[in-house]
Amino acid sequence: MYAAYFGLEQLPFSIAPDPRYLFLSERHREALAHLLYGLDGGGGFVLLTGEVGAGKTTVCRGFLQQMPAHCSAAYIFNPKLSAQELLGTVCDEFGVALPANRRGPPTIKQCVDALNAWLLAQHAAGKSCVLVIDEAQSLPSDVLEQLRLLTNLETDEKKLLQIVLIGQPELRALVARPELTQLAQRVIARYHLGALSKGETAQYVAHRMAVAGWQGPLPFAPAALARVHALSGGVPRRINLLCDRALLAAYAGGHKQVDAHTVRAAAREVFDGAAEPVGTRSRWPAAALGLAAGVLLTGAALALSGHWPWGGAAPGATPAAVAAAPAGAQAGAAGAPSVPAADESALWRRLATLWDAELPEGALPCTGPLPGALACWSTTQGDEALLRRLDRPALLRLQGTGAPAGLVLLRTLHEGRAQLLDARGQASERPWSELAAAWSGAAFTLWRSPPGLDAGGVDIAATESGAQWLAAQLDRAGVAGAPALRTRVRQFQRAQGLQSDGLAGPLTLMRLNRALGTDGPRLLAPPAAPGEP
């Protein structure tokens, strides 16, 4: 239909799942960071709430995919069960064998005893266990109380079970009930996943169009994108429905550009006659939601199984710190984890000083704006090859024996030796092999974004000014040849060992910065002398 008309390889807003359309906004990254932070919380509850269609389940899938190898997880997506049924389901999901009971299903006591024995065995084997319950707003109070009792399963050293509850905003009100006070006191981290901002909505549309094969300025006028955000409330499911119908309307009318009027007309058809701006608390027709179910970031399970894998395209404003304890969620995000450890904040400040920047005490850069055009980038499955490719000092999270647990600041990596800086700037060295053996794969680094451009955008070339800037930088880097900008980007990506998707996001821009000799601290350098940054 309209795909060929607009020169697209496929429909960009199709409801068919496709991992290539993965998009994580800053809010989704922060939500994922909070869930991963909860893994180190020592037991208790982690809460993730958000409106219908905000991407909670997608974040959950990413969380399950990025879970460290030493974690065992059980995922329950239909919690409308009695306490006895839920316990039986938990045992089934973990693979816990239950005793046969001639008189009926296993009792609550039998389930708890079997689960406790299994959790103790997992603990003895060095494994952590996580129970994830989706649509948790449907849980009755007595079932929530039974879940709280499961967090009493413990050894002298730690809790044996971490529980993650994911649900709609009603979940927050449910947990706040007086009869669940004890459960509320065991919540170690919580995050409310808001809708996309106006800018993120434009990035989301640009990302899907680019993946579908679009090149050049978007066929959506700026006013049309603003109208898409206003009418969709920034909710990805509504954005998909609205943009798909708007492109179809433009095709039917013989137009190459989608204007605000076309978007408004499309909204009347898609949203059952409603074409006025909506708030994020709006409830939508069930049919519309059903049509778009699963559209946002479908394929997260594939794409999130490694480091943010879009070679250059990292959607959202700034990638959230995936394993560092996030704090200071932006306006609109309800709640946050417990106050982060002071030493982690101090290490972040020390890393920032390497870039001649100052961070306020207690700041965790991947959850907020940074000074001096700096941006944060993170991964949970890094390796030495990636560190060498980035060539930037990085914070690494350790979790094995032979090294202290927590974050360490890797200043340089040279001839098999790693130089570490502590919070005071004191340097120490150790063999890289020892550090690598204890490294969990989680890493965080800083980079300097292009002046005046959004460092975390889906694709810097999605805007005219960004495309002009990128073309000039590729010229400086000696990437000539094909006239198409995305073809040149792919050439550069292949030369740098990146995924050649043609999208110029953070990874591609970091390598471009390095190729052009942009000032910044280097990882692959001899150790700095004492007193040097």
Protein backbone atom coordinates (compact mmCIF):
# COMPACT_ATOMS: atom_id res chain seq x y z
CA MET A 1 0.00 0.00 0.00
CA TYR A 2 1.69 3.22 1.15
CA ALA A 3 5.12 1.59 1.70
CA ALA A 4 6.09 1.66 -1.98
CA TYR A 5 4.56 5.12 -2.38
CA PHE A 6 6.92 6.53 0.25
CA GLY A 7 9.90 4.45 -0.88
CA LEU A 8 9.84 2.23 2.19
CA GLU A 9 10.92 -1.39 2.32
CA GLN A 10 8.09 -2.28 4.71
CA LEU A 11 5.35 -0.71 6.78
CA PRO A 12 7.09 1.21 9.58
CA PHE A 13 4.17 1.09 12.01
CA SER A 14 2.99 -2.44 11.38
CA ILE A 15 1.66 -4.39 14.36
CA ALA A 16 3.79 -7.38 13.33
CA PRO A 17 6.60 -7.99 15.86
CA ASP A 18 10.05 -7.18 14.50
CA PRO A 19 13.16 -6.86 16.71
CA ARG A 20 14.70 -4.34 14.32
CA TYR A 21 12.23 -1.74 15.55
CA LEU A 22 13.51 -1.87 19.11
CA PHE A 23 13.37 1.56 20.73
CA LEU A 24 14.20 2.40 24.33
CA SER A 25 13.54 5.92 25.50
CA GLU A 26 15.39 7.39 28.44
CA ARG A 27 12.45 6.47 30.64
CA HIS A 28 12.53 2.85 29.51
CA ARG A 29 16.24 2.71 30.19
CA GLU A 30 15.73 4.18 33.65
CA ALA A 31 13.01 1.65 34.38
CA LEU A 32 15.29 -1.17 33.28
CA ALA A 33 18.05 0.28 35.44
CA HIS A 34 15.80 0.24 38.48
CA LEU A 35 14.90 -3.40 37.92
CA LEU A 36 18.53 -4.41 37.52
CA TYR A 37 19.47 -2.37 40.56
CA GLY A 38 16.96 -4.40 42.53
CA LEU A 39 18.98 -7.55 41.81
CA ASP A 40 21.63 -6.26 44.21
CA GLY A 41 19.07 -5.11 46.75
CA GLY A 42 19.35 -8.17 48.97
CA GLY A 43 15.70 -9.21 48.80
CA GLY A 44 12.41 -7.42 49.09
CA PHE A 45 10.18 -5.95 46.40
CA VAL A 46 10.85 -3.84 43.32
CA LEU A 47 7.85 -2.03 41.79
CA LEU A 48 7.51 -0.91 38.17
CA THR A 49 4.28 0.86 37.24
CA GLY A 50 3.06 2.56 34.09
CA GLU A 51 0.03 3.23 31.93
CA VAL A 52 -1.36 0.67 29.49
CA GLY A 53 0.88 0.66 26.42
CA ALA A 54 3.78 2.49 28.09
CA GLY A 55 6.17 -0.42 27.55
CA LYS A 56 6.26 -2.12 30.95
CA THR A 57 6.21 -5.64 29.54
CA THR A 58 8.94 -4.74 27.07
CA VAL A 59 11.13 -3.47 29.90
CA CYS A 60 10.36 -6.69 31.74
CA ARG A 61 11.51 -8.77 28.78
CA GLY A 62 14.69 -6.77 28.58
CA PHE A 63 15.22 -7.27 32.29
CA LEU A 64 14.86 -11.03 31.95
CA GLN A 65 17.22 -11.10 28.98
CA GLN A 66 19.89 -9.02 30.72
CA MET A 67 19.72 -10.95 33.97
CA PRO A 68 23.17 -12.21 34.96
CA ALA A 69 23.95 -15.89 34.52
CA HIS A 70 24.00 -16.46 38.27
CA CYS A 71 20.31 -15.50 38.56
CA SER A 72 17.34 -17.85 38.20
CA ALA A 73 14.06 -16.20 37.22
CA ALA A 74 10.39 -17.11 37.25
CA TYR A 75 7.94 -15.01 35.23
CA ILE A 76 4.19 -15.00 35.89
CA PHE A 77 1.95 -12.99 33.57
CA ASN A 78 -1.48 -14.17 34.74
CA PRO A 79 -1.64 -13.38 38.46
CA LYS A 80 -5.43 -13.74 38.85
CA LEU A 81 -4.88 -16.73 41.10
CA SER A 82 -5.49 -17.65 44.69
CA ALA A 83 -2.55 -17.72 47.08
CA GLN A 84 -2.36 -21.50 46.81
CA GLU A 85 -2.54 -21.43 43.00
CA LEU A 86 0.08 -18.70 42.78
CA LEU A 87 2.51 -20.60 45.00
CA GLY A 88 2.01 -23.68 42.85
CA THR A 89 2.67 -21.61 39.73
CA VAL A 90 5.82 -20.12 41.26
CA CYS A 91 7.11 -23.61 41.98
CA ASP A 92 6.27 -24.70 38.43
CA GLU A 93 8.08 -21.73 36.90
CA PHE A 94 11.20 -22.35 38.99
CA GLY A 95 11.01 -26.08 38.27
CA VAL A 96 10.50 -26.99 41.92
CA ALA A 97 9.20 -30.52 42.41
CA LEU A 98 6.10 -30.67 44.60
CA PRO A 99 4.98 -33.69 46.63
CA ALA A 100 2.05 -35.72 45.35
CA ASN A 101 -1.17 -35.12 47.24
CA ARG A 102 -4.00 -37.59 46.79
CA ARG A 103 -6.56 -35.21 48.25
CA GLY A 104 -5.91 -32.45 45.76
CA PRO A 105 -3.25 -29.89 44.82
CA PRO A 106 -0.32 -29.28 47.18
CA THR A 107 -1.12 -27.16 50.20
CA ILE A 108 0.38 -23.73 50.83
CA LYS A 109 2.71 -25.24 53.43
CA GLN A 110 3.89 -27.94 51.04
CA CYS A 111 4.59 -25.33 48.35
CA VAL A 112 6.46 -23.03 50.74
CA ASP A 113 8.52 -25.88 52.20
CA ALA A 114 9.49 -27.17 48.76
CA LEU A 115 10.30 -23.67 47.52
CA ASN A 116 12.39 -22.91 50.62
CA ALA A 117 14.43 -26.09 50.18
CA TRP A 118 15.00 -25.27 46.51
CA LEU A 119 16.00 -21.67 47.27
CA LEU A 120 18.49 -22.86 49.87
CA ALA A 121 20.03 -25.21 47.31
CA GLN A 122 20.27 -22.36 44.80
CA HIS A 123 21.92 -20.16 47.42
CA ALA A 124 24.44 -22.88 48.21
CA ALA A 125 25.25 -23.05 44.49
CA GLY A 126 25.91 -19.30 44.42
CA LYS A 127 22.74 -18.38 42.56
CA SER A 128 20.19 -15.64 43.18
CA CYS A 129 16.48 -16.09 42.50
CA VAL A 130 14.03 -13.53 41.14
CA LEU A 131 10.26 -13.79 40.83
CA VAL A 132 8.68 -11.41 38.30
CA ILE A 133 4.91 -10.91 38.32
CA ASP A 134 3.34 -8.90 35.48
CA GLU A 135 -0.11 -7.26 35.71
CA ALA A 136 0.39 -7.25 39.47
CA GLN A 137 -2.39 -4.70 40.01
CA SER A 138 -4.74 -7.69 39.73
CA LEU A 139 -3.31 -9.39 42.81
CA PRO A 140 -5.70 -9.61 45.79
CA SER A 141 -4.43 -8.35 49.13
CA ASP A 142 -4.20 -11.85 50.61
CA VAL A 143 -2.01 -12.99 47.71
CA LEU A 144 0.27 -9.98 48.14
CA GLU A 145 0.56 -10.82 51.82
CA GLN A 146 1.57 -14.36 50.90
CA LEU A 147 4.23 -12.94 48.59
CA ARG A 148 5.50 -10.81 51.46
CA LEU A 149 5.85 -13.93 53.56
CA LEU A 150 8.01 -15.45 50.81
CA THR A 151 10.52 -12.65 51.38
CA ASN A 152 10.96 -14.05 54.90
CA LEU A 153 12.76 -17.03 53.40
CA GLU A 154 16.36 -16.25 54.21
CA THR A 155 19.70 -17.39 55.56
CA ASP A 156 21.82 -15.61 58.14
CA GLU A 157 23.42 -13.68 55.28
CA LYS A 158 20.73 -12.74 52.79
CA LYS A 159 17.16 -13.00 51.59
CA LEU A 160 16.63 -15.91 49.24
CA LEU A 161 14.06 -14.37 46.89
CA GLN A 162 13.77 -11.04 45.10
CA ILE A 163 10.24 -10.17 43.90
CA VAL A 164 9.51 -7.74 41.06
CA LEU A 165 5.93 -6.48 40.70
CA ILE A 166 4.97 -4.87 37.38
CA GLY A 167 1.58 -3.28 36.84
CA GLN A 168 -0.62 -0.32 36.07
CA PRO A 169 -0.71 2.75 38.35
CA GLU A 170 -3.35 1.07 40.50
CA LEU A 171 -0.56 -1.13 41.84
CA ARG A 172 0.89 1.83 43.74
CA ALA A 173 -2.45 2.49 45.42
CA LEU A 174 -2.81 -1.20 46.19
CA VAL A 175 0.56 -1.40 47.93
CA ALA A 176 -0.26 1.77 49.88
CA ARG A 177 -3.26 0.16 51.61
CA PRO A 178 -2.97 0.05 55.42
CA GLU A 179 -3.24 -3.73 55.53
CA LEU A 180 -0.15 -3.97 53.29
CA THR A 181 2.07 -1.64 55.32
CA GLN A 182 4.61 -4.39 55.99
CA LEU A 183 4.89 -5.12 52.27
CA ALA A 184 5.31 -1.42 51.45
CA GLN A 185 8.18 -1.24 53.92
CA ARG A 186 9.98 -3.96 51.98
CA VAL A 187 9.92 -2.10 48.66
CA ILE A 188 13.57 -1.33 47.95
CA ALA A 189 13.07 0.35 44.56
CA ARG A 190 10.15 1.71 42.59
CA TYR A 191 9.73 3.48 39.28
CA HIS A 192 6.76 4.84 37.33
CA LEU A 193 7.21 4.56 33.58
CA GLY A 194 5.82 7.68 31.97
CA ALA A 195 4.90 8.36 28.38
CA LEU A 196 7.33 9.60 25.74
CA SER A 197 8.10 13.29 25.69
CA LYS A 198 7.43 15.41 22.63
CA GLY A 199 11.04 15.04 21.53
CA GLU A 200 11.09 11.31 22.21
CA THR A 201 7.90 10.88 20.21
CA ALA A 202 9.62 12.46 17.21
CA GLN A 203 12.66 10.23 17.77
CA TYR A 204 10.43 7.17 17.99
CA VAL A 205 8.74 8.00 14.69
CA ALA A 206 12.10 8.75 13.04
CA HIS A 207 13.55 5.48 14.28
CA ARG A 208 10.74 3.35 12.90
CA MET A 209 10.80 5.18 9.57
CA ALA A 210 14.58 4.77 9.28
CA VAL A 211 14.45 1.05 10.02
CA ALA A 212 11.73 0.67 7.37
CA GLY A 213 14.09 2.19 4.80
CA TRP A 214 13.30 5.89 4.88
CA GLN A 215 16.13 8.29 4.04
CA GLY A 216 16.14 12.04 4.35
CA PRO A 217 13.85 14.43 6.24
CA LEU A 218 10.77 12.79 7.70
CA PRO A 219 7.52 12.92 5.71
CA PHE A 220 5.88 14.18 8.90
CA ALA A 221 5.87 17.96 9.19
CA PRO A 222 7.04 19.31 12.58
CA ALA A 223 3.49 20.41 13.33
CA ALA A 224 2.27 16.91 12.47
CA LEU A 225 4.73 15.33 14.90
CA ALA A 226 3.61 17.74 17.59
CA ARG A 227 0.02 16.75 16.87
CA VAL A 228 0.95 13.05 17.01
CA HIS A 229 2.37 13.58 20.47
CA ALA A 230 -0.61 15.61 21.64
CA LEU A 231 -3.18 13.12 20.37
CA SER A 232 -1.30 10.00 21.45
CA GLY A 233 -0.27 11.31 24.84
CA GLY A 234 3.22 10.01 24.03
CA VAL A 235 2.05 6.39 24.41
CA PRO A 236 3.82 4.19 21.84
CA ARG A 237 0.82 2.02 21.03
CA ARG A 238 -1.25 5.06 20.14
CA ILE A 239 1.65 6.57 18.20
CA ASN A 240 1.84 3.45 16.02
CA LEU A 241 -1.87 3.41 15.27
CA LEU A 242 -1.97 7.12 14.54
CA CYS A 243 1.11 7.30 12.31
CA ASP A 244 0.11 4.25 10.32
CA ARG A 245 -3.31 5.70 9.57
CA ALA A 246 -1.85 9.16 8.82
CA LEU A 247 0.58 7.74 6.24
CA LEU A 248 -2.25 5.77 4.68
CA ALA A 249 -4.35 8.93 4.46
CA ALA A 250 -1.48 10.85 2.84
CA TYR A 251 -1.05 8.05 0.30
CA ALA A 252 -4.77 8.00 -0.47
CA GLY A 253 -4.75 11.75 -0.99
CA GLY A 254 -1.64 11.73 -3.18
CA HIS A 255 0.45 13.72 -0.68
CA LYS A 256 4.11 13.13 0.11
CA GLN A 257 3.94 15.06 3.38
CA VAL A 258 1.81 14.38 6.45
CA ASP A 259 0.51 17.59 7.98
CA ALA A 260 -1.27 18.28 11.26
CA HIS A 261 -4.68 18.22 9.59
CA THR A 262 -4.05 14.71 8.27
CA VAL A 263 -3.00 13.53 11.74
CA ARG A 264 -6.12 14.99 13.30
CA ALA A 265 -8.33 13.30 10.71
CA ALA A 266 -6.53 10.01 11.28
CA ALA A 267 -7.09 10.34 15.03
CA ARG A 268 -10.84 10.71 14.56
CA GLU A 269 -10.88 7.41 12.70
CA VAL A 270 -8.45 5.45 14.87
CA PHE A 271 -9.53 6.74 18.27
CA ASP A 272 -13.25 6.37 17.74
CA GLY A 273 -13.95 10.00 16.87
CA ALA A 274 -11.65 11.55 19.46
CA ALA A 275 -9.18 14.03 18.00
CA GLU A 276 -8.33 16.15 21.00
CA PRO A 277 -5.10 15.98 23.01
CA VAL A 278 -5.15 13.31 25.67
CA GLY A 279 -3.43 12.91 28.99
CA THR A 280 -1.46 9.87 29.89
CA ARG A 281 -4.22 8.71 32.22
CA SER A 282 -6.71 8.37 29.41
CA ARG A 283 -8.25 4.95 28.90
CA TRP A 284 -8.54 3.85 25.31
CA PRO A 285 -10.93 1.61 23.43
CA ALA A 286 -10.06 -2.01 24.06
CA ALA A 287 -10.12 -2.76 20.35
CA ALA A 288 -7.45 -0.17 19.63
CA LEU A 289 -5.26 -1.51 22.39
CA GLY A 290 -5.70 -5.07 21.22
CA LEU A 291 -4.68 -4.16 17.69
CA ALA A 292 -1.44 -2.60 18.84
CA ALA A 293 -0.57 -4.98 21.65
CA GLY A 294 3.10 -5.76 21.71
CA VAL A 295 4.09 -3.19 19.10
CA LEU A 296 6.39 -1.12 21.30
CA LEU A 297 9.89 -2.49 21.11
CA THR A 298 8.84 -5.95 20.06
CA GLY A 299 11.91 -8.06 19.86
CA ALA A 300 13.46 -6.64 23.01
CA ALA A 301 14.35 -10.16 24.00
CA LEU A 302 16.68 -10.40 21.02
CA ALA A 303 18.14 -6.93 21.04
CA LEU A 304 18.63 -6.63 24.77
CA SER A 305 20.50 -9.90 25.02
CA GLY A 306 23.75 -8.03 24.36
CA HIS A 307 25.04 -4.53 24.84
CA TRP A 308 22.83 -1.84 23.31
CA PRO A 309 23.23 -3.37 19.91
CA TRP A 310 22.29 -0.78 17.39
CA GLY A 311 25.91 0.00 16.53
CA GLY A 312 25.11 3.63 16.29
CA ALA A 313 21.49 4.11 17.11
CA ALA A 314 20.77 4.38 20.81
CA PRO A 315 17.24 5.72 21.19
CA GLY A 316 16.26 8.01 24.00
CA ALA A 317 18.05 10.95 25.51
CA THR A 318 20.80 9.17 27.42
CA PRO A 319 21.18 5.48 28.15
CA ALA A 320 20.38 4.78 31.78
CA ALA A 321 22.91 3.24 34.08
CA VAL A 322 21.89 -0.34 33.90
CA ALA A 323 23.67 -1.71 36.92
CA ALA A 324 24.49 1.39 38.94
CA ALA A 325 21.97 2.34 41.57
CA PRO A 326 19.88 4.95 39.76
CA ALA A 327 18.56 7.98 41.56
CA GLY A 328 16.94 11.28 40.82
CA ALA A 329 14.51 10.05 38.23
CA GLN A 330 13.28 12.89 36.12
CA ALA A 331 10.08 14.75 36.79
CA GLY A 332 7.06 12.55 36.56
CA ALA A 333 8.85 9.44 37.72
CA ALA A 334 7.44 8.38 41.03
CA GLY A 335 9.83 7.00 43.57
CA ALA A 336 13.41 5.87 43.33
CA PRO A 337 15.64 3.25 44.83
CA SER A 338 17.30 3.73 48.16
CA VAL A 339 20.03 6.38 48.34
CA PRO A 340 22.99 5.08 46.33
CA ALA A 341 26.26 4.21 48.03
CA ALA A 342 28.47 7.25 48.52
CA ASP A 343 31.48 5.55 47.00
CA GLU A 344 29.65 4.89 43.73
CA SER A 345 28.67 8.54 43.48
CA ALA A 346 32.25 9.52 44.25
CA LEU A 347 33.54 7.26 41.50
CA TRP A 348 31.15 8.90 39.05
CA ARG A 349 32.49 12.30 40.08
CA ARG A 350 36.04 11.05 39.63
CA LEU A 351 35.18 9.78 36.13
CA ALA A 352 33.66 13.17 35.29
CA THR A 353 36.86 14.96 36.35
CA LEU A 354 38.71 13.03 33.66
CA TRP A 355 36.48 14.94 31.25
CA ASP A 356 37.09 18.26 33.05
CA ALA A 357 33.55 18.25 34.39
CA GLU A 358 32.12 18.49 37.89
CA LEU A 359 29.15 16.54 39.18
CA PRO A 360 27.20 17.41 42.31
CA GLU A 361 27.62 15.09 45.27
CA GLY A 362 25.27 12.13 45.07
CA ALA A 363 24.78 12.48 41.30
CA LEU A 364 24.46 9.41 39.09
CA PRO A 365 24.94 10.73 35.53
CA CYS A 366 22.97 8.17 33.57
CA THR A 367 19.71 9.34 35.16
CA GLY A 368 19.98 13.05 34.45
CA PRO A 369 21.60 15.82 32.39
CA LEU A 370 25.36 16.23 32.37
CA PRO A 371 27.53 19.34 32.07
CA GLY A 372 29.85 20.17 29.22
CA ALA A 373 27.93 18.33 26.47
CA LEU A 374 28.74 15.02 28.16
CA ALA A 375 26.46 12.02 27.82
CA CYS A 376 26.34 8.62 29.47
CA TRP A 377 26.45 5.24 27.75
CA SER A 378 26.10 1.84 29.37
CA THR A 379 26.00 -1.88 28.68
CA THR A 380 25.37 -4.97 30.76
CA GLN A 381 27.22 -7.46 28.53
CA GLY A 382 30.46 -5.77 27.64
CA ASP A 383 33.77 -7.45 26.96
CA GLU A 384 37.38 -6.44 26.46
CA ALA A 385 36.88 -5.95 22.73
CA LEU A 386 34.11 -3.44 23.38
CA LEU A 387 36.21 -1.53 25.92
CA ARG A 388 39.04 -1.30 23.43
CA ARG A 389 36.66 -0.14 20.74
CA LEU A 390 35.28 2.60 22.98
CA ASP A 391 38.77 3.59 24.18
CA ARG A 392 37.39 5.54 27.14
CA PRO A 393 37.82 5.16 30.90
CA ALA A 394 34.86 3.25 32.26
CA LEU A 395 33.16 2.16 35.44
CA LEU A 396 32.95 -1.63 35.63
CA ARG A 397 30.73 -3.62 37.94
CA LEU A 398 32.47 -6.59 39.53
CA GLN A 399 30.66 -9.54 41.01
CA GLY A 400 33.12 -12.43 41.27
CA THR A 401 35.93 -13.52 43.50
CA GLY A 402 39.42 -12.10 43.27
CA ALA A 403 38.28 -8.46 43.25
CA PRO A 404 36.14 -6.22 45.42
CA ALA A 405 32.43 -6.28 44.64
CA GLY A 406 30.76 -3.17 43.27
CA LEU A 407 31.99 -0.51 40.86
CA VAL A 408 35.61 0.15 39.98
CA LEU A 409 36.97 2.93 37.77
CA LEU A 410 39.16 1.56 35.00
CA ARG A 411 41.44 4.45 34.03
CA THR A 412 43.78 2.74 31.55
CA LEU A 413 44.30 -0.66 29.98
CA HIS A 414 47.85 -1.15 28.73
CA GLU A 415 49.93 -4.25 28.04
CA GLY A 416 47.71 -6.51 30.10
CA ARG A 417 47.68 -4.21 33.13
CA ALA A 418 44.64 -2.32 34.38
CA GLN A 419 45.04 0.94 36.25
CA LEU A 420 42.20 1.67 38.67
CA LEU A 421 41.34 4.96 40.36
CA ASP A 422 39.59 5.14 43.70
CA ALA A 423 37.18 7.88 44.77
CA ARG A 424 40.11 10.05 45.95
CA GLY A 425 41.95 9.67 42.67
CA GLN A 426 44.57 7.28 44.05
CA ALA A 427 45.80 4.84 41.41
CA SER A 428 46.48 1.13 41.72
CA GLU A 429 47.32 -1.58 39.21
CA ARG A 430 46.35 -5.20 38.80
CA PRO A 431 46.47 -7.74 35.99
CA TRP A 432 43.62 -7.26 33.56
CA SER A 433 42.99 -11.00 33.57
CA GLU A 434 42.07 -10.89 37.27
CA LEU A 435 39.76 -7.94 36.76
CA ALA A 436 38.13 -9.48 33.69
CA ALA A 437 37.41 -12.69 35.60
CA ALA A 438 35.43 -10.73 38.20
CA TRP A 439 33.72 -8.36 35.74
CA SER A 440 29.97 -8.88 35.39
CA GLY A 441 29.91 -7.30 31.92
CA ALA A 442 28.21 -4.12 33.15
CA ALA A 443 30.10 -0.99 32.13
CA PHE A 444 29.41 2.74 32.10
CA THR A 445 31.29 5.47 30.31
CA LEU A 446 31.01 9.10 29.32
CA TRP A 447 31.38 10.68 25.91
CA ARG A 448 31.17 14.16 24.46
CA SER A 449 28.14 14.65 22.26
CA PRO A 450 28.11 16.90 19.17
CA PRO A 451 27.51 20.58 19.99
CA GLY A 452 23.85 21.54 19.89
CA LEU A 453 22.66 18.04 19.03
CA ASP A 454 20.82 15.45 21.09
CA ALA A 455 23.45 12.89 22.03
CA GLY A 456 20.92 10.20 22.75
CA GLY A 457 18.80 10.56 19.65
CA VAL A 458 17.79 7.58 17.61
CA ASP A 459 19.78 8.86 14.68
CA ILE A 460 21.56 12.18 14.47
CA ALA A 461 20.94 12.24 10.72
CA ALA A 462 17.18 12.22 11.24
CA THR A 463 17.16 16.02 11.29
CA GLU A 464 18.43 18.28 8.52
CA SER A 465 20.95 20.06 10.74
CA GLY A 466 22.15 16.75 12.14
CA ALA A 467 22.56 15.28 8.67
CA GLN A 468 24.60 18.28 7.55
CA TRP A 469 26.83 18.05 10.61
CA LEU A 470 27.31 14.30 10.17
CA ALA A 471 28.18 14.64 6.48
CA ALA A 472 30.85 17.20 7.34
CA GLN A 473 32.36 14.95 10.02
CA LEU A 474 32.44 11.97 7.66
CA ASP A 475 34.23 14.17 5.12
CA ARG A 476 36.83 15.02 7.77
CA ALA A 477 37.18 11.34 8.62
CA GLY A 478 37.85 10.53 4.95
CA VAL A 479 34.65 8.55 4.41
CA ALA A 480 33.80 9.40 0.84
CA GLY A 481 32.17 7.55 -1.99
CA ALA A 482 28.44 6.95 -2.13
CA PRO A 483 26.30 10.09 -2.12
CA ALA A 484 23.72 8.58 0.25
CA LEU A 485 24.55 9.61 3.81
CA ARG A 486 23.40 6.35 5.34
CA THR A 487 25.61 4.39 2.95
CA ARG A 488 28.58 6.43 4.12
CA VAL A 489 27.60 5.79 7.73
CA ARG A 490 27.49 2.05 7.02
CA GLN A 491 30.94 2.23 5.44
CA PHE A 492 32.32 3.91 8.55
CA GLN A 493 30.57 1.44 10.85
CA ARG A 494 31.99 -1.55 9.01
CA ALA A 495 35.47 -0.06 9.18
CA GLN A 496 35.08 0.41 12.93
CA GLY A 497 33.72 -3.05 13.62
CA LEU A 498 30.24 -1.79 14.49
CA GLN A 499 26.86 -3.06 13.39
CA SER A 500 26.34 -1.48 9.97
CA ASP A 501 22.75 -0.30 10.37
CA GLY A 502 23.32 3.17 8.91
CA LEU A 503 22.00 4.86 12.05
CA ALA A 504 24.38 7.35 13.62
CA GLY A 505 23.79 6.99 17.34
CA PRO A 506 26.13 7.08 20.36
CA LEU A 507 28.43 4.16 19.50
CA THR A 508 28.99 5.40 15.98
CA LEU A 509 29.45 8.97 17.17
CA MET A 510 31.93 7.90 19.85
CA ARG A 511 34.03 6.14 17.25
CA LEU A 512 33.71 9.13 14.95
CA ASN A 513 34.91 11.40 17.75
CA ARG A 514 37.91 9.16 18.28
CA ALA A 515 38.67 8.97 14.55
CA LEU A 516 38.68 12.76 14.38
CA GLY A 517 40.93 13.09 17.42
CA THR A 518 38.34 14.77 19.62
CA ASP A 519 39.86 15.57 23.00
CA GLY A 520 39.02 13.21 25.81
CA PRO A 521 40.65 10.70 28.15
CA ARG A 522 41.94 7.52 26.54
CA LEU A 523 41.66 4.02 27.95
CA LEU A 524 44.31 2.47 25.72
CA ALA A 525 47.20 4.53 27.01
CA PRO A 526 50.13 4.01 29.38
CA PRO A 527 49.15 4.45 33.04
CA ALA A 528 49.04 8.06 34.17
CA ALA A 529 51.79 9.14 36.54
CA PRO A 530 50.80 9.79 40.18
CA GLY A 531 48.95 13.07 40.45
CA GLU A 532 47.96 13.13 36.79
CA PRO A 533 44.27 12.79 35.80
